[in-house]
Amino acid sequence: MATDYDAPRKTDEESAEDSLEELKAQRAEATNPQVEVDENDVSDTVELPGADLSDESLTVRVLPKQADEFTCSKCFLVMHRSRIAKETKGKAICLECA
């Protein structure tokens, strides 16, 4: 939040009144939550956190590990060979896990 250092300063009494009013306004906003919906949004519905998506299915094309890739022996992610930090006993470890 930006602070305007050139603005006139308030007295303690004024700031106490303002902060009380701000607290009341924040409480009113917290009790009336609103979901903002973008009119230009192409999705059909608004997804709420914790929504049940068990009936949804995803289609993802999975590629097999390529010749220039390896699987990290710690995190088990497939990465490019340029990401190898060290290799011991035939097991490669990526830069993030090293």
Protein backbone atom coordinates (compact mmCIF):
# COMPACT_ATOMS: atom_id res chain seq x y z
CA MET A 1 0.00 0.00 0.00
CA ALA A 2 1.42 3.37 -1.01
CA THR A 3 1.94 6.07 1.60
CA ASP A 4 1.67 9.75 0.81
CA TYR A 5 4.23 11.44 3.06
CA ASP A 6 3.16 14.93 1.91
CA ALA A 7 -0.44 14.55 3.09
CA PRO A 8 -1.46 16.44 6.24
CA ARG A 9 -1.23 14.32 9.36
CA LYS A 10 -4.25 13.46 11.48
CA THR A 11 -4.53 13.86 15.20
CA ASP A 12 -4.83 10.83 17.47
CA GLU A 13 -8.55 11.45 17.92
CA GLU A 14 -9.18 11.63 14.16
CA SER A 15 -7.11 8.52 13.46
CA ALA A 16 -8.97 6.57 16.19
CA GLU A 17 -12.31 7.54 14.61
CA ASP A 18 -11.07 6.65 11.14
CA SER A 19 -9.70 3.31 12.22
CA LEU A 20 -13.00 2.44 13.94
CA GLU A 21 -14.88 3.32 10.77
CA GLU A 22 -12.43 1.29 8.69
CA LEU A 23 -12.86 -1.72 10.99
CA LYS A 24 -16.64 -1.50 10.67
CA ALA A 25 -16.33 -1.30 6.88
CA GLN A 26 -13.96 -4.27 6.77
CA ARG A 27 -16.33 -6.29 8.96
CA ALA A 28 -19.23 -5.46 6.63
CA GLU A 29 -17.18 -6.52 3.60
CA ALA A 30 -16.18 -9.77 5.30
CA THR A 31 -19.79 -10.70 6.05
CA ASN A 32 -20.91 -10.00 2.48
CA PRO A 33 -18.48 -11.93 0.27
CA GLN A 34 -19.12 -11.54 -3.43
CA VAL A 35 -17.79 -13.58 -6.32
CA GLU A 36 -16.71 -11.41 -9.21
CA VAL A 37 -17.72 -12.85 -12.55
CA ASP A 38 -16.03 -11.62 -15.71
CA GLU A 39 -18.58 -11.11 -18.47
CA ASN A 40 -15.96 -11.96 -21.11
CA ASP A 41 -14.98 -15.22 -19.40
CA VAL A 42 -15.44 -18.18 -21.74
CA SER A 43 -16.02 -20.72 -19.00
CA ASP A 44 -19.58 -21.86 -18.43
CA THR A 45 -19.53 -21.89 -14.65
CA VAL A 46 -17.61 -20.46 -11.73
CA GLU A 47 -15.36 -23.07 -10.08
CA LEU A 48 -15.47 -22.87 -6.32
CA PRO A 49 -12.65 -24.16 -4.10
CA GLY A 50 -13.34 -27.69 -2.94
CA ALA A 51 -15.73 -28.40 -5.82
CA ASP A 52 -16.32 -32.04 -6.70
CA LEU A 53 -14.58 -32.77 -10.01
CA SER A 54 -14.79 -36.56 -9.82
CA ASP A 55 -16.97 -36.80 -12.93
CA GLU A 56 -14.50 -34.76 -15.02
CA SER A 57 -11.96 -36.46 -17.25
CA LEU A 58 -8.75 -35.06 -18.67
CA THR A 59 -7.08 -36.08 -21.89
CA VAL A 60 -3.31 -35.72 -21.74
CA ARG A 61 -0.81 -37.00 -24.26
CA VAL A 62 2.03 -38.73 -22.40
CA LEU A 63 5.38 -39.04 -24.15
CA PRO A 64 7.88 -41.74 -23.20
CA LYS A 65 11.23 -40.69 -21.76
CA GLN A 66 13.48 -39.43 -24.55
CA ALA A 67 17.10 -40.44 -25.14
CA ASP A 68 18.39 -37.10 -23.84
CA GLU A 69 16.39 -37.26 -20.58
CA PHE A 70 16.92 -38.93 -17.21
CA THR A 71 14.85 -39.67 -14.11
CA CYS A 72 16.12 -38.12 -10.88
CA SER A 73 16.67 -40.80 -8.24
CA LYS A 74 15.45 -38.48 -5.44
CA CYS A 75 12.40 -36.61 -6.80
CA PHE A 76 11.65 -39.04 -9.67
CA LEU A 77 11.03 -36.23 -12.16
CA VAL A 78 12.08 -36.69 -15.78
CA MET A 79 14.49 -33.95 -16.83
CA HIS A 80 16.89 -33.09 -19.62
CA ARG A 81 20.45 -34.42 -19.26
CA SER A 82 21.75 -30.87 -18.85
CA ARG A 83 20.05 -30.80 -15.40
CA ILE A 84 22.21 -33.61 -13.93
CA ALA A 85 24.13 -32.41 -10.86
CA LYS A 86 25.87 -35.70 -10.05
CA GLU A 87 25.66 -39.35 -10.87
CA THR A 88 26.67 -42.08 -8.41
CA LYS A 89 26.30 -45.84 -8.85
CA GLY A 90 24.33 -45.30 -12.04
CA LYS A 91 21.75 -43.08 -10.30
CA ALA A 92 21.48 -39.49 -11.50
CA ILE A 93 20.45 -36.60 -9.23
CA CYS A 94 19.05 -33.33 -10.60
CA LEU A 95 20.31 -29.85 -9.74
CA GLU A 96 17.33 -29.10 -7.44
CA CYS A 97 17.88 -32.21 -5.31
CA ALA A 98 21.68 -31.95 -5.12
